[in-house]
Amino acid sequence: MDLTGAKWWKSSRSSTNGGACVDVTGDLGDAVGVRDGKDPNGPALVFAPAA
């Protein structure tokens, strides 16, 4: 899935201490994207919303 142009934000479940940041995007139609906030150019996982 092409994630170019997706709008990412820091998950409310992310820790502000220790650098455990998770970014999410919900503007993918029937999918939710998740990535490592410390590596925004790295790989991302895509899940169905129910997952």
PDB file of N, CA and C in Angstrom:
ATOM      1  N   MET A   1       0.844  -1.172   0.000  1.00  0.00           N
ATOM      2  CA  MET A   1       0.000   0.000   0.000  1.00  0.00           C
ATOM      3  C   MET A   1       0.889   1.236   0.000  1.00  0.00           C
ATOM      4  N   ASP A   2       0.543   2.203  -0.834  1.00  0.00           N
ATOM      5  CA  ASP A   2       1.301   3.442  -0.919  1.00  0.00           C
ATOM      6  C   ASP A   2       0.887   4.372   0.223  1.00  0.00           C
ATOM      7  N   LEU A   3       1.824   4.696   1.109  1.00  0.00           N
ATOM      8  CA  LEU A   3       1.546   5.563   2.257  1.00  0.00           C
ATOM      9  C   LEU A   3       2.016   6.998   2.032  1.00  0.00           C
ATOM     10  N   THR A   4       2.415   7.303   0.800  1.00  0.00           N
ATOM     11  CA  THR A   4       2.819   8.664   0.469  1.00  0.00           C
ATOM     12  C   THR A   4       1.632   9.594   0.672  1.00  0.00           C
ATOM     13  N   GLY A   5       1.843  10.659   1.399  1.00  0.00           N
ATOM     14  CA  GLY A   5       0.779  11.623   1.634  1.00  0.00           C
ATOM     15  C   GLY A   5      -0.111  11.318   2.822  1.00  0.00           C
ATOM     16  N   ALA A   6       0.118  10.187   3.487  1.00  0.00           N
ATOM     17  CA  ALA A   6      -0.676   9.867   4.680  1.00  0.00           C
ATOM     18  C   ALA A   6      -0.362  10.870   5.781  1.00  0.00           C
ATOM     19  N   LYS A   7      -1.359  11.227   6.552  1.00  0.00           N
ATOM     20  CA  LYS A   7      -1.174  12.159   7.669  1.00  0.00           C
ATOM     21  C   LYS A   7      -1.007  11.341   8.950  1.00  0.00           C
ATOM     22  N   TRP A   8       0.182  11.404   9.518  1.00  0.00           N
ATOM     23  CA  TRP A   8       0.531  10.615  10.696  1.00  0.00           C
ATOM     24  C   TRP A   8       0.424  11.470  11.948  1.00  0.00           C
ATOM     25  N   TRP A   9       0.078  10.856  13.082  1.00  0.00           N
ATOM     26  CA  TRP A   9       0.093  11.524  14.374  1.00  0.00           C
ATOM     27  C   TRP A   9       0.550  10.534  15.427  1.00  0.00           C
ATOM     28  N   LYS A  10       1.027  11.061  16.543  1.00  0.00           N
ATOM     29  CA  LYS A  10       1.517  10.228  17.635  1.00  0.00           C
ATOM     30  C   LYS A  10       0.330   9.585  18.343  1.00  0.00           C
ATOM     31  N   SER A  11       0.384   8.297  18.526  1.00  0.00           N
ATOM     32  CA  SER A  11      -0.683   7.572  19.202  1.00  0.00           C
ATOM     33  C   SER A  11      -0.802   8.022  20.655  1.00  0.00           C
ATOM     34  N   SER A  12      -2.020   8.086  21.155  1.00  0.00           N
ATOM     35  CA  SER A  12      -2.235   8.441  22.565  1.00  0.00           C
ATOM     36  C   SER A  12      -1.690   7.354  23.495  1.00  0.00           C
ATOM     37  N   ARG A  13      -1.404   6.182  22.958  1.00  0.00           N
ATOM     38  CA  ARG A  13      -0.833   5.073  23.746  1.00  0.00           C
ATOM     39  C   ARG A  13       0.690   5.098  23.774  1.00  0.00           C
ATOM     40  N   SER A  14       1.295   6.054  23.105  1.00  0.00           N
ATOM     41  CA  SER A  14       2.750   6.155  23.075  1.00  0.00           C
ATOM     42  C   SER A  14       3.274   6.693  24.394  1.00  0.00           C
ATOM     43  N   SER A  15       4.453   6.234  24.737  1.00  0.00           N
ATOM     44  CA  SER A  15       5.136   6.715  25.929  1.00  0.00           C
ATOM     45  C   SER A  15       5.963   7.941  25.562  1.00  0.00           C
ATOM     46  N   THR A  16       5.896   8.979  26.385  1.00  0.00           N
ATOM     47  CA  THR A  16       6.736  10.144  26.138  1.00  0.00           C
ATOM     48  C   THR A  16       8.119   9.954  26.753  1.00  0.00           C
ATOM     49  N   ASN A  17       8.262   8.991  27.632  1.00  0.00           N
ATOM     50  CA  ASN A  17       9.550   8.691  28.255  1.00  0.00           C
ATOM     51  C   ASN A  17      10.134   7.442  27.626  1.00  0.00           C
ATOM     52  N   GLY A  18      11.393   7.455  27.364  1.00  0.00           N
ATOM     53  CA  GLY A  18      12.061   6.272  26.842  1.00  0.00           C
ATOM     54  C   GLY A  18      11.998   6.132  25.334  1.00  0.00           C
ATOM     55  N   GLY A  19      11.358   7.062  24.646  1.00  0.00           N
ATOM     56  CA  GLY A  19      11.361   7.047  23.191  1.00  0.00           C
ATOM     57  C   GLY A  19      10.487   6.009  22.537  1.00  0.00           C
ATOM     58  N   ALA A  20       9.530   5.425  23.251  1.00  0.00           N
ATOM     59  CA  ALA A  20       8.647   4.417  22.667  1.00  0.00           C
ATOM     60  C   ALA A  20       7.465   5.114  21.998  1.00  0.00           C
ATOM     61  N   CYS A  21       7.683   5.668  20.816  1.00  0.00           N
ATOM     62  CA  CYS A  21       6.651   6.431  20.123  1.00  0.00           C
ATOM     63  C   CYS A  21       6.079   5.631  18.957  1.00  0.00           C
ATOM     64  N   VAL A  22       4.774   5.593  18.886  1.00  0.00           N
ATOM     65  CA  VAL A  22       4.074   4.926  17.796  1.00  0.00           C
ATOM     66  C   VAL A  22       3.254   5.976  17.069  1.00  0.00           C
ATOM     67  N   ASP A  23       3.432   6.055  15.752  1.00  0.00           N
ATOM     68  CA  ASP A  23       2.629   6.944  14.919  1.00  0.00           C
ATOM     69  C   ASP A  23       1.542   6.120  14.244  1.00  0.00           C
ATOM     70  N   VAL A  24       0.376   6.725  14.056  1.00  0.00           N
ATOM     71  CA  VAL A  24      -0.733   6.052  13.382  1.00  0.00           C
ATOM     72  C   VAL A  24      -1.309   6.965  12.308  1.00  0.00           C
ATOM     73  N   THR A  25      -1.952   6.371  11.341  1.00  0.00           N
ATOM     74  CA  THR A  25      -2.704   7.110  10.331  1.00  0.00           C
ATOM     75  C   THR A  25      -4.004   6.368  10.084  1.00  0.00           C
ATOM     76  N   GLY A  26      -5.064   7.105   9.976  1.00  0.00           N
ATOM     77  CA  GLY A  26      -6.371   6.502   9.752  1.00  0.00           C
ATOM     78  C   GLY A  26      -7.006   6.956   8.456  1.00  0.00           C
ATOM     79  N   ASP A  27      -6.250   7.634   7.610  1.00  0.00           N
ATOM     80  CA  ASP A  27      -6.822   8.139   6.363  1.00  0.00           C
ATOM     81  C   ASP A  27      -6.515   7.243   5.168  1.00  0.00           C
ATOM     82  N   LEU A  28      -6.537   5.928   5.403  1.00  0.00           N
ATOM     83  CA  LEU A  28      -6.205   4.970   4.355  1.00  0.00           C
ATOM     84  C   LEU A  28      -7.430   4.213   3.846  1.00  0.00           C
ATOM     85  N   GLY A  29      -8.610   4.709   4.125  1.00  0.00           N
ATOM     86  CA  GLY A  29      -9.820   3.988   3.720  1.00  0.00           C
ATOM     87  C   GLY A  29     -10.122   2.887   4.715  1.00  0.00           C
ATOM     88  N   ASP A  30     -10.042   1.640   4.279  1.00  0.00           N
ATOM     89  CA  ASP A  30     -10.330   0.489   5.137  1.00  0.00           C
ATOM     90  C   ASP A  30      -9.073  -0.074   5.772  1.00  0.00           C
ATOM     91  N   ALA A  31      -8.154   0.787   6.195  1.00  0.00           N
ATOM     92  CA  ALA A  31      -6.910   0.327   6.805  1.00  0.00           C
ATOM     93  C   ALA A  31      -6.410   1.368   7.799  1.00  0.00           C
ATOM     94  N   VAL A  32      -5.564   0.891   8.711  1.00  0.00           N
ATOM     95  CA  VAL A  32      -4.918   1.749   9.704  1.00  0.00           C
ATOM     96  C   VAL A  32      -3.421   1.486   9.609  1.00  0.00           C
ATOM     97  N   GLY A  33      -2.637   2.536   9.470  1.00  0.00           N
ATOM     98  CA  GLY A  33      -1.190   2.393   9.386  1.00  0.00           C
ATOM     99  C   GLY A  33      -0.535   2.661  10.731  1.00  0.00           C
ATOM    100  N   VAL A  34       0.519   1.916  11.024  1.00  0.00           N
ATOM    101  CA  VAL A  34       1.270   2.050  12.273  1.00  0.00           C
ATOM    102  C   VAL A  34       2.760   2.033  11.924  1.00  0.00           C
ATOM    103  N   ARG A  35       3.509   2.954  12.535  1.00  0.00           N
ATOM    104  CA  ARG A  35       4.954   2.985  12.287  1.00  0.00           C
ATOM    105  C   ARG A  35       5.685   3.434  13.550  1.00  0.00           C
ATOM    106  N   ASP A  36       6.988   3.230  13.544  1.00  0.00           N
ATOM    107  CA  ASP A  36       7.858   3.666  14.625  1.00  0.00           C
ATOM    108  C   ASP A  36       8.066   5.169  14.487  1.00  0.00           C
ATOM    109  N   GLY A  37       7.650   5.932  15.486  1.00  0.00           N
ATOM    110  CA  GLY A  37       7.765   7.380  15.429  1.00  0.00           C
ATOM    111  C   GLY A  37       9.194   7.891  15.366  1.00  0.00           C
ATOM    112  N   LYS A  38      10.145   7.071  15.828  1.00  0.00           N
ATOM    113  CA  LYS A  38      11.553   7.467  15.777  1.00  0.00           C
ATOM    114  C   LYS A  38      12.147   7.268  14.391  1.00  0.00           C
ATOM    115  N   ASP A  39      11.459   6.509  13.537  1.00  0.00           N
ATOM    116  CA  ASP A  39      11.955   6.195  12.200  1.00  0.00           C
ATOM    117  C   ASP A  39      10.833   6.397  11.177  1.00  0.00           C
ATOM    118  N   PRO A  40      10.409   7.648  10.954  1.00  0.00           N
ATOM    119  CA  PRO A  40       9.270   7.888  10.079  1.00  0.00           C
ATOM    120  C   PRO A  40       9.475   7.469   8.625  1.00  0.00           C
ATOM    121  N   ASN A  41      10.713   7.291   8.208  1.00  0.00           N
ATOM    122  CA  ASN A  41      10.982   6.842   6.843  1.00  0.00           C
ATOM    123  C   ASN A  41      11.175   5.337   6.752  1.00  0.00           C
ATOM    124  N   GLY A  42      11.067   4.668   7.887  1.00  0.00           N
ATOM    125  CA  GLY A  42      11.226   3.210   7.910  1.00  0.00           C
ATOM    126  C   GLY A  42       9.931   2.507   7.543  1.00  0.00           C
ATOM    127  N   PRO A  43       9.882   1.215   7.772  1.00  0.00           N
ATOM    128  CA  PRO A  43       8.699   0.431   7.390  1.00  0.00           C
ATOM    129  C   PRO A  43       7.478   0.786   8.238  1.00  0.00           C
ATOM    130  N   ALA A  44       6.326   0.523   7.702  1.00  0.00           N
ATOM    131  CA  ALA A  44       5.068   0.711   8.410  1.00  0.00           C
ATOM    132  C   ALA A  44       4.233  -0.556   8.243  1.00  0.00           C
ATOM    133  N   LEU A  45       3.405  -0.821   9.228  1.00  0.00           N
ATOM    134  CA  LEU A  45       2.475  -1.946   9.165  1.00  0.00           C
ATOM    135  C   LEU A  45       1.092  -1.401   8.866  1.00  0.00           C
ATOM    136  N   VAL A  46       0.307  -2.162   8.133  1.00  0.00           N
ATOM    137  CA  VAL A  46      -1.053  -1.759   7.790  1.00  0.00           C
ATOM    138  C   VAL A  46      -1.998  -2.857   8.258  1.00  0.00           C
ATOM    139  N   PHE A  47      -3.031  -2.457   9.003  1.00  0.00           N
ATOM    140  CA  PHE A  47      -3.989  -3.396   9.572  1.00  0.00           C
ATOM    141  C   PHE A  47      -5.404  -3.033   9.152  1.00  0.00           C
ATOM    142  N   ALA A  48      -6.291  -4.015   9.192  1.00  0.00           N
ATOM    143  CA  ALA A  48      -7.720  -3.743   9.068  1.00  0.00           C
ATOM    144  C   ALA A  48      -8.155  -3.051  10.354  1.00  0.00           C
ATOM    145  N   PRO A  49      -9.134  -2.133  10.322  1.00  0.00           N
ATOM    146  CA  PRO A  49      -9.537  -1.404  11.541  1.00  0.00           C
ATOM    147  C   PRO A  49      -9.923  -2.311  12.711  1.00  0.00           C
ATOM    148  N   ALA A  50     -10.512  -3.446  12.450  1.00  0.00           N
ATOM    149  CA  ALA A  50     -10.927  -4.350  13.530  1.00  0.00           C
ATOM    150  C   ALA A  50      -9.731  -4.947  14.267  1.00  0.00           C
ATOM    151  N   ALA A  51      -8.602  -5.068  13.584  1.00  0.00           N
ATOM    152  CA  ALA A  51      -7.411  -5.654  14.212  1.00  0.00           C
ATOM    153  C   ALA A  51      -6.831  -4.692  15.207  1.00  0.00           C
TER     154      ALA A  51
END
